[in-house]
Amino acid sequence: MSRSQEAAMDTAATARHARFGKLPERVRYEDMTEVVQSGPSGAVNASPENVAAYRTLSCLALDLGL
């Protein structure tokens, strides 16, 4: 390997190390989580979208003979 090739490899290695040589900053647990107030889990009112999906799937089940 010639001297110029070694110098080019050293330059490339230095550039790589400058860019990727250290780990990113640590993300705190508090920054990864979010607390959101939720409603009651047993909601009586079903949304119309869920009812329509149920009707479509039940008709498909009847069509297939299930």
PDB file of N, CA and C in Angstrom:
ATOM      1  N   MET A   1       0.841  -1.163   0.000  1.00  0.00           N
ATOM      2  CA  MET A   1       0.000   0.000   0.000  1.00  0.00           C
ATOM      3  C   MET A   1       0.895   1.237   0.000  1.00  0.00           C
ATOM      4  N   SER A   2       0.551   2.172  -0.827  1.00  0.00           N
ATOM      5  CA  SER A   2       1.397   3.363  -0.938  1.00  0.00           C
ATOM      6  C   SER A   2       1.102   4.334   0.197  1.00  0.00           C
ATOM      7  N   ARG A   3       1.962   5.302   0.316  1.00  0.00           N
ATOM      8  CA  ARG A   3       1.866   6.306   1.381  1.00  0.00           C
ATOM      9  C   ARG A   3       0.588   7.143   1.244  1.00  0.00           C
ATOM     10  N   SER A   4       0.207   7.473  -0.007  1.00  0.00           N
ATOM     11  CA  SER A   4      -0.989   8.287  -0.221  1.00  0.00           C
ATOM     12  C   SER A   4      -2.262   7.502   0.110  1.00  0.00           C
ATOM     13  N   GLN A   5      -2.233   6.192  -0.147  1.00  0.00           N
ATOM     14  CA  GLN A   5      -3.391   5.370   0.204  1.00  0.00           C
ATOM     15  C   GLN A   5      -3.541   5.273   1.714  1.00  0.00           C
ATOM     16  N   GLU A   6      -2.436   5.131   2.428  1.00  0.00           N
ATOM     17  CA  GLU A   6      -2.478   5.082   3.884  1.00  0.00           C
ATOM     18  C   GLU A   6      -2.992   6.398   4.457  1.00  0.00           C
ATOM     19  N   ALA A   7      -2.546   7.501   3.897  1.00  0.00           N
ATOM     20  CA  ALA A   7      -2.999   8.804   4.355  1.00  0.00           C
ATOM     21  C   ALA A   7      -4.495   8.982   4.100  1.00  0.00           C
ATOM     22  N   ALA A   8      -4.968   8.502   2.945  1.00  0.00           N
ATOM     23  CA  ALA A   8      -6.397   8.598   2.636  1.00  0.00           C
ATOM     24  C   ALA A   8      -7.209   7.735   3.588  1.00  0.00           C
ATOM     25  N   MET A   9      -6.689   6.538   3.909  1.00  0.00           N
ATOM     26  CA  MET A   9      -7.399   5.665   4.846  1.00  0.00           C
ATOM     27  C   MET A   9      -7.416   6.279   6.237  1.00  0.00           C
ATOM     28  N   ASP A  10      -6.320   6.904   6.658  1.00  0.00           N
ATOM     29  CA  ASP A  10      -6.264   7.555   7.960  1.00  0.00           C
ATOM     30  C   ASP A  10      -7.242   8.724   8.022  1.00  0.00           C
ATOM     31  N   THR A  11      -7.332   9.472   6.936  1.00  0.00           N
ATOM     32  CA  THR A  11      -8.268  10.592   6.878  1.00  0.00           C
ATOM     33  C   THR A  11      -9.703  10.094   6.960  1.00  0.00           C
ATOM     34  N   ALA A  12      -9.991   9.010   6.238  1.00  0.00           N
ATOM     35  CA  ALA A  12     -11.337   8.434   6.259  1.00  0.00           C
ATOM     36  C   ALA A  12     -11.658   7.888   7.649  1.00  0.00           C
ATOM     37  N   ALA A  13     -10.694   7.232   8.264  1.00  0.00           N
ATOM     38  CA  ALA A  13     -10.905   6.692   9.608  1.00  0.00           C
ATOM     39  C   ALA A  13     -11.127   7.819  10.610  1.00  0.00           C
ATOM     40  N   THR A  14     -10.401   8.898  10.474  1.00  0.00           N
ATOM     41  CA  THR A  14     -10.576  10.045  11.366  1.00  0.00           C
ATOM     42  C   THR A  14     -11.953  10.663  11.179  1.00  0.00           C
ATOM     43  N   ALA A  15     -12.411  10.781   9.944  1.00  0.00           N
ATOM     44  CA  ALA A  15     -13.735  11.333   9.671  1.00  0.00           C
ATOM     45  C   ALA A  15     -14.824  10.428  10.234  1.00  0.00           C
ATOM     46  N   ARG A  16     -14.667   9.108  10.053  1.00  0.00           N
ATOM     47  CA  ARG A  16     -15.635   8.154  10.598  1.00  0.00           C
ATOM     48  C   ARG A  16     -15.689   8.252  12.114  1.00  0.00           C
ATOM     49  N   HIS A  17     -14.528   8.329  12.734  1.00  0.00           N
ATOM     50  CA  HIS A  17     -14.478   8.395  14.193  1.00  0.00           C
ATOM     51  C   HIS A  17     -15.100   9.694  14.694  1.00  0.00           C
ATOM     52  N   ALA A  18     -14.895  10.783  13.986  1.00  0.00           N
ATOM     53  CA  ALA A  18     -15.490  12.057  14.400  1.00  0.00           C
ATOM     54  C   ALA A  18     -17.007  11.993  14.312  1.00  0.00           C
ATOM     55  N   ARG A  19     -17.519  11.262  13.329  1.00  0.00           N
ATOM     56  CA  ARG A  19     -18.961  11.197  13.148  1.00  0.00           C
ATOM     57  C   ARG A  19     -19.614  10.117  14.005  1.00  0.00           C
ATOM     58  N   PHE A  20     -19.006   8.939  14.086  1.00  0.00           N
ATOM     59  CA  PHE A  20     -19.611   7.791  14.753  1.00  0.00           C
ATOM     60  C   PHE A  20     -18.826   7.315  15.975  1.00  0.00           C
ATOM     61  N   GLY A  21     -17.873   8.059  16.430  1.00  0.00           N
ATOM     62  CA  GLY A  21     -16.981   7.583  17.474  1.00  0.00           C
ATOM     63  C   GLY A  21     -17.542   7.562  18.873  1.00  0.00           C
ATOM     64  N   LYS A  22     -18.713   8.183  19.104  1.00  0.00           N
ATOM     65  CA  LYS A  22     -19.281   8.168  20.445  1.00  0.00           C
ATOM     66  C   LYS A  22     -20.761   7.848  20.369  1.00  0.00           C
ATOM     67  N   LEU A  23     -21.294   7.323  21.456  1.00  0.00           N
ATOM     68  CA  LEU A  23     -22.704   6.970  21.524  1.00  0.00           C
ATOM     69  C   LEU A  23     -23.554   8.233  21.671  1.00  0.00           C
ATOM     70  N   PRO A  24     -24.804   8.194  21.225  1.00  0.00           N
ATOM     71  CA  PRO A  24     -25.680   9.351  21.428  1.00  0.00           C
ATOM     72  C   PRO A  24     -25.993   9.529  22.911  1.00  0.00           C
ATOM     73  N   GLU A  25     -26.507  10.688  23.258  1.00  0.00           N
ATOM     74  CA  GLU A  25     -26.832  10.944  24.655  1.00  0.00           C
ATOM     75  C   GLU A  25     -27.932   9.996  25.111  1.00  0.00           C
ATOM     76  N   ARG A  26     -27.868   9.636  26.370  1.00  0.00           N
ATOM     77  CA  ARG A  26     -28.838   8.722  26.947  1.00  0.00           C
ATOM     78  C   ARG A  26     -30.195   9.411  27.082  1.00  0.00           C
ATOM     79  N   VAL A  27     -31.286   8.700  26.746  1.00  0.00           N
ATOM     80  CA  VAL A  27     -32.639   9.239  26.873  1.00  0.00           C
ATOM     81  C   VAL A  27     -33.184   8.819  28.228  1.00  0.00           C
ATOM     82  N   ARG A  28     -33.656   9.802  28.986  1.00  0.00           N
ATOM     83  CA  ARG A  28     -34.178   9.493  30.317  1.00  0.00           C
ATOM     84  C   ARG A  28     -35.518   8.780  30.198  1.00  0.00           C
ATOM     85  N   TYR A  29     -35.849   7.961  31.190  1.00  0.00           N
ATOM     86  CA  TYR A  29     -37.103   7.229  31.205  1.00  0.00           C
ATOM     87  C   TYR A  29     -38.287   8.191  31.192  1.00  0.00           C
ATOM     88  N   GLU A  30     -38.173   9.287  31.911  1.00  0.00           N
ATOM     89  CA  GLU A  30     -39.255  10.269  31.979  1.00  0.00           C
ATOM     90  C   GLU A  30     -39.553  10.870  30.607  1.00  0.00           C
ATOM     91  N   ASP A  31     -38.542  10.959  29.759  1.00  0.00           N
ATOM     92  CA  ASP A  31     -38.732  11.511  28.420  1.00  0.00           C
ATOM     93  C   ASP A  31     -39.358  10.488  27.463  1.00  0.00           C
ATOM     94  N   MET A  32     -39.339   9.203  27.831  1.00  0.00           N
ATOM     95  CA  MET A  32     -39.886   8.163  26.966  1.00  0.00           C
ATOM     96  C   MET A  32     -41.336   7.842  27.286  1.00  0.00           C
ATOM     97  N   THR A  33     -41.841   8.256  28.436  1.00  0.00           N
ATOM     98  CA  THR A  33     -43.193   7.907  28.846  1.00  0.00           C
ATOM     99  C   THR A  33     -44.081   9.133  28.882  1.00  0.00           C
ATOM    100  N   GLU A  34     -45.357   8.889  28.790  1.00  0.00           N
ATOM    101  CA  GLU A  34     -46.329   9.967  28.838  1.00  0.00           C
ATOM    102  C   GLU A  34     -47.518   9.484  29.656  1.00  0.00           C
ATOM    103  N   VAL A  35     -47.973  10.298  30.587  1.00  0.00           N
ATOM    104  CA  VAL A  35     -49.115   9.964  31.414  1.00  0.00           C
ATOM    105  C   VAL A  35     -50.331  10.660  30.820  1.00  0.00           C
ATOM    106  N   VAL A  36     -51.359   9.855  30.503  1.00  0.00           N
ATOM    107  CA  VAL A  36     -52.569  10.384  29.892  1.00  0.00           C
ATOM    108  C   VAL A  36     -53.767   9.901  30.701  1.00  0.00           C
ATOM    109  N   GLN A  37     -54.685  10.801  30.966  1.00  0.00           N
ATOM    110  CA  GLN A  37     -55.907  10.428  31.678  1.00  0.00           C
ATOM    111  C   GLN A  37     -56.789   9.618  30.740  1.00  0.00           C
ATOM    112  N   SER A  38     -57.295   8.484  31.188  1.00  0.00           N
ATOM    113  CA  SER A  38     -58.133   7.656  30.336  1.00  0.00           C
ATOM    114  C   SER A  38     -59.544   7.601  30.890  1.00  0.00           C
ATOM    115  N   GLY A  39     -60.461   7.193  30.048  1.00  0.00           N
ATOM    116  CA  GLY A  39     -61.854   7.072  30.449  1.00  0.00           C
ATOM    117  C   GLY A  39     -62.106   5.717  31.077  1.00  0.00           C
ATOM    118  N   PRO A  40     -63.357   5.466  31.473  1.00  0.00           N
ATOM    119  CA  PRO A  40     -63.679   4.158  32.058  1.00  0.00           C
ATOM    120  C   PRO A  40     -63.486   3.045  31.033  1.00  0.00           C
ATOM    121  N   SER A  41     -63.049   1.892  31.505  1.00  0.00           N
ATOM    122  CA  SER A  41     -62.712   0.811  30.580  1.00  0.00           C
ATOM    123  C   SER A  41     -63.946   0.106  30.032  1.00  0.00           C
ATOM    124  N   GLY A  42     -65.037   0.093  30.743  1.00  0.00           N
ATOM    125  CA  GLY A  42     -66.245  -0.591  30.280  1.00  0.00           C
ATOM    126  C   GLY A  42     -67.234   0.386  29.672  1.00  0.00           C
ATOM    127  N   ALA A  43     -66.859   1.075  28.637  1.00  0.00           N
ATOM    128  CA  ALA A  43     -67.727   2.070  28.018  1.00  0.00           C
ATOM    129  C   ALA A  43     -68.960   1.394  27.433  1.00  0.00           C
ATOM    130  N   VAL A  44     -70.144   1.946  27.717  1.00  0.00           N
ATOM    131  CA  VAL A  44     -71.399   1.366  27.262  1.00  0.00           C
ATOM    132  C   VAL A  44     -71.660   1.735  25.812  1.00  0.00           C
ATOM    133  N   ASN A  45     -71.342   2.934  25.417  1.00  0.00           N
ATOM    134  CA  ASN A  45     -71.614   3.394  24.060  1.00  0.00           C
ATOM    135  C   ASN A  45     -70.505   2.942  23.118  1.00  0.00           C
ATOM    136  N   ALA A  46     -70.886   2.102  22.181  1.00  0.00           N
ATOM    137  CA  ALA A  46     -69.918   1.677  21.168  1.00  0.00           C
ATOM    138  C   ALA A  46     -69.951   2.684  20.031  1.00  0.00           C
ATOM    139  N   SER A  47     -68.808   2.939  19.446  1.00  0.00           N
ATOM    140  CA  SER A  47     -68.782   3.895  18.344  1.00  0.00           C
ATOM    141  C   SER A  47     -69.437   3.262  17.117  1.00  0.00           C
ATOM    142  N   PRO A  48     -70.048   4.056  16.260  1.00  0.00           N
ATOM    143  CA  PRO A  48     -70.699   3.510  15.057  1.00  0.00           C
ATOM    144  C   PRO A  48     -69.737   2.746  14.153  1.00  0.00           C
ATOM    145  N   GLU A  49     -68.468   3.127  14.157  1.00  0.00           N
ATOM    146  CA  GLU A  49     -67.493   2.428  13.328  1.00  0.00           C
ATOM    147  C   GLU A  49     -67.351   0.974  13.768  1.00  0.00           C
ATOM    148  N   ASN A  50     -67.337   0.744  15.086  1.00  0.00           N
ATOM    149  CA  ASN A  50     -67.198  -0.622  15.586  1.00  0.00           C
ATOM    150  C   ASN A  50     -68.432  -1.448  15.273  1.00  0.00           C
ATOM    151  N   VAL A  51     -69.616  -0.852  15.349  1.00  0.00           N
ATOM    152  CA  VAL A  51     -70.845  -1.568  15.051  1.00  0.00           C
ATOM    153  C   VAL A  51     -70.879  -1.956  13.578  1.00  0.00           C
ATOM    154  N   ALA A  52     -70.498  -1.040  12.701  1.00  0.00           N
ATOM    155  CA  ALA A  52     -70.482  -1.342  11.268  1.00  0.00           C
ATOM    156  C   ALA A  52     -69.482  -2.455  10.961  1.00  0.00           C
ATOM    157  N   ALA A  53     -68.340  -2.418  11.589  1.00  0.00           N
ATOM    158  CA  ALA A  53     -67.342  -3.466  11.369  1.00  0.00           C
ATOM    159  C   ALA A  53     -67.869  -4.809  11.849  1.00  0.00           C
ATOM    160  N   TYR A  54     -68.572  -4.830  12.976  1.00  0.00           N
ATOM    161  CA  TYR A  54     -69.141  -6.073  13.492  1.00  0.00           C
ATOM    162  C   TYR A  54     -70.165  -6.634  12.519  1.00  0.00           C
ATOM    163  N   ARG A  55     -71.031  -5.767  11.986  1.00  0.00           N
ATOM    164  CA  ARG A  55     -72.044  -6.217  11.030  1.00  0.00           C
ATOM    165  C   ARG A  55     -71.391  -6.787   9.774  1.00  0.00           C
ATOM    166  N   THR A  56     -70.364  -6.118   9.288  1.00  0.00           N
ATOM    167  CA  THR A  56     -69.684  -6.587   8.089  1.00  0.00           C
ATOM    168  C   THR A  56     -69.028  -7.946   8.339  1.00  0.00           C
ATOM    169  N   LEU A  57     -68.366  -8.093   9.455  1.00  0.00           N
ATOM    170  CA  LEU A  57     -67.698  -9.359   9.744  1.00  0.00           C
ATOM    171  C   LEU A  57     -68.690 -10.468  10.005  1.00  0.00           C
ATOM    172  N   SER A  58     -69.816 -10.158  10.663  1.00  0.00           N
ATOM    173  CA  SER A  58     -70.794 -11.218  10.930  1.00  0.00           C
ATOM    174  C   SER A  58     -71.440 -11.664   9.631  1.00  0.00           C
ATOM    175  N   CYS A  59     -71.688 -10.747   8.692  1.00  0.00           N
ATOM    176  CA  CYS A  59     -72.247 -11.141   7.390  1.00  0.00           C
ATOM    177  C   CYS A  59     -71.244 -11.977   6.608  1.00  0.00           C
ATOM    178  N   LEU A  60     -69.976 -11.633   6.696  1.00  0.00           N
ATOM    179  CA  LEU A  60     -68.965 -12.418   6.023  1.00  0.00           C
ATOM    180  C   LEU A  60     -68.911 -13.824   6.590  1.00  0.00           C
ATOM    181  N   ALA A  61     -69.043 -13.934   7.908  1.00  0.00           N
ATOM    182  CA  ALA A  61     -69.040 -15.254   8.545  1.00  0.00           C
ATOM    183  C   ALA A  61     -70.229 -16.075   8.077  1.00  0.00           C
ATOM    184  N   LEU A  62     -71.403 -15.452   7.922  1.00  0.00           N
ATOM    185  CA  LEU A  62     -72.565 -16.178   7.430  1.00  0.00           C
ATOM    186  C   LEU A  62     -72.363 -16.592   5.982  1.00  0.00           C
ATOM    187  N   ASP A  63     -71.785 -15.712   5.182  1.00  0.00           N
ATOM    188  CA  ASP A  63     -71.536 -16.052   3.777  1.00  0.00           C
ATOM    189  C   ASP A  63     -70.594 -17.243   3.628  1.00  0.00           C
ATOM    190  N   LEU A  64     -69.634 -17.333   4.535  1.00  0.00           N
ATOM    191  CA  LEU A  64     -68.666 -18.425   4.465  1.00  0.00           C
ATOM    192  C   LEU A  64     -69.196 -19.694   5.114  1.00  0.00           C
ATOM    193  N   GLY A  65     -70.355 -19.588   5.761  1.00  0.00           N
ATOM    194  CA  GLY A  65     -70.939 -20.746   6.414  1.00  0.00           C
ATOM    195  C   GLY A  65     -70.303 -21.046   7.750  1.00  0.00           C
ATOM    196  N   LEU A  66     -69.794 -20.031   8.396  1.00  0.00           N
ATOM    197  CA  LEU A  66     -69.154 -20.244   9.704  1.00  0.00           C
ATOM    198  C   LEU A  66     -70.130 -20.048  10.841  1.00  0.00           C
TER     199      LEU A  66
END
